[in-house]
């Protein structure tokens, strides 16, 4: 028997010291994003459908330096800002 914890997909934008990452994180249903980040201090968070823009590669055309990845692992210690964009759905 397997227990499944219901989660929701949340679209976020994350800024680290070297990049901006747009993607999706899976949080507890009706949970706060700040609680999600605090619970992962000292580890990495999993961002799916990630679009990474490296700050060292910024050009006049913002879309020219976007790298798309199925999964991006972000060190929580390096997160400077995380912005909640929208709830996508429950899983």
Protein backbone atom coordinates (compact mmCIF):
# COMPACT_ATOMS: atom_id res chain seq x y z
CA UNK A 1 0.00 0.00 0.00
CA UNK A 2 1.40 3.35 -1.02
CA UNK A 3 0.42 6.64 0.56
CA UNK A 4 0.31 9.62 -1.77
CA UNK A 5 0.55 13.18 -0.51
CA UNK A 6 -1.59 15.49 -2.66
CA UNK A 7 0.41 18.32 -4.19
CA UNK A 8 -0.19 21.23 -6.52
CA UNK A 9 1.89 22.54 -9.40
CA UNK A 10 2.94 26.17 -8.91
CA UNK A 11 4.52 28.31 -11.62
CA UNK A 12 7.46 30.32 -10.21
CA UNK A 13 10.29 32.63 -11.22
CA UNK A 14 13.51 32.20 -9.25
CA UNK A 15 16.52 34.52 -9.19
CA UNK A 16 19.89 33.21 -8.09
CA UNK A 17 23.25 34.95 -8.13
CA UNK A 18 23.90 33.65 -11.65
CA UNK A 19 20.53 33.04 -13.35
CA UNK A 20 16.78 33.50 -13.60
CA UNK A 21 14.78 30.24 -13.67
CA UNK A 22 11.14 30.07 -14.74
CA UNK A 23 9.42 26.75 -14.12
CA UNK A 24 7.14 24.66 -11.95
CA UNK A 25 7.54 23.43 -8.37
CA UNK A 26 5.30 20.92 -6.59
CA UNK A 27 4.06 22.15 -3.21
CA UNK A 28 1.55 20.93 -0.67
CA UNK A 29 -2.01 21.86 -1.63
CA UNK A 30 -2.81 25.28 -0.11
CA UNK A 31 0.76 25.42 1.23
CA UNK A 32 2.81 28.60 1.26
CA UNK A 33 5.76 28.94 -1.07
CA UNK A 34 7.89 30.29 1.79
CA UNK A 35 7.21 27.12 3.82
CA UNK A 36 8.24 25.01 0.84
CA UNK A 37 11.57 26.85 0.53
CA UNK A 38 12.28 26.78 4.28
CA UNK A 39 11.63 23.02 4.39
CA UNK A 40 14.38 22.54 1.79
CA UNK A 41 17.12 24.68 3.38
CA UNK A 42 20.50 23.02 2.85
CA UNK A 43 19.22 21.01 -0.12
CA UNK A 44 18.06 21.47 -3.68
CA UNK A 45 14.57 22.08 -5.03
CA UNK A 46 13.30 20.41 -8.17
CA UNK A 47 12.00 22.81 -10.85
CA UNK A 48 10.30 21.11 -13.80
CA UNK A 49 9.85 22.59 -17.28
CA UNK A 50 12.66 25.01 -16.50
CA UNK A 51 13.74 27.94 -18.62
CA UNK A 52 17.13 29.23 -17.48
CA UNK A 53 18.50 32.67 -18.38
CA UNK A 54 22.11 33.10 -17.29
CA UNK A 55 22.89 36.62 -16.08
CA UNK A 56 26.39 36.55 -17.60
CA UNK A 57 24.84 35.98 -21.05
CA UNK A 58 22.27 38.81 -21.02
CA UNK A 59 21.86 40.25 -24.47
CA UNK A 60 19.52 42.84 -25.89
CA UNK A 61 17.17 40.05 -27.02
CA UNK A 62 16.04 38.41 -23.75
CA UNK A 63 14.84 35.24 -25.54
CA UNK A 64 18.22 34.65 -27.21
CA UNK A 65 19.88 33.34 -24.04
CA UNK A 66 17.10 31.07 -22.65
CA UNK A 67 18.04 27.42 -22.12
CA UNK A 68 15.11 25.01 -21.73
CA UNK A 69 15.42 21.96 -19.46
CA UNK A 70 12.95 19.28 -18.34
CA UNK A 71 14.35 19.46 -14.79
CA UNK A 72 16.51 22.04 -13.04
CA UNK A 73 17.85 21.48 -9.52
CA UNK A 74 18.31 24.75 -7.63
CA UNK A 75 20.41 25.05 -4.47
CA UNK A 76 18.09 26.73 -1.96
CA UNK A 77 21.07 28.52 -0.38
CA UNK A 78 21.61 30.38 -3.70
CA UNK A 79 18.00 31.58 -4.11
CA UNK A 80 17.82 35.37 -3.82
CA UNK A 81 14.17 35.85 -4.85
CA UNK A 82 11.36 33.43 -5.63
CA UNK A 83 8.22 34.84 -7.21
CA UNK A 84 4.89 33.03 -7.16
CA UNK A 85 3.27 33.30 -10.60
CA UNK A 86 0.21 31.02 -10.52
CA UNK A 87 -1.24 27.68 -9.43
CA UNK A 88 -1.34 25.37 -12.44
CA UNK A 89 -3.18 22.32 -11.04
CA UNK A 90 -3.22 19.65 -8.38
CA UNK A 91 -1.32 16.38 -8.84
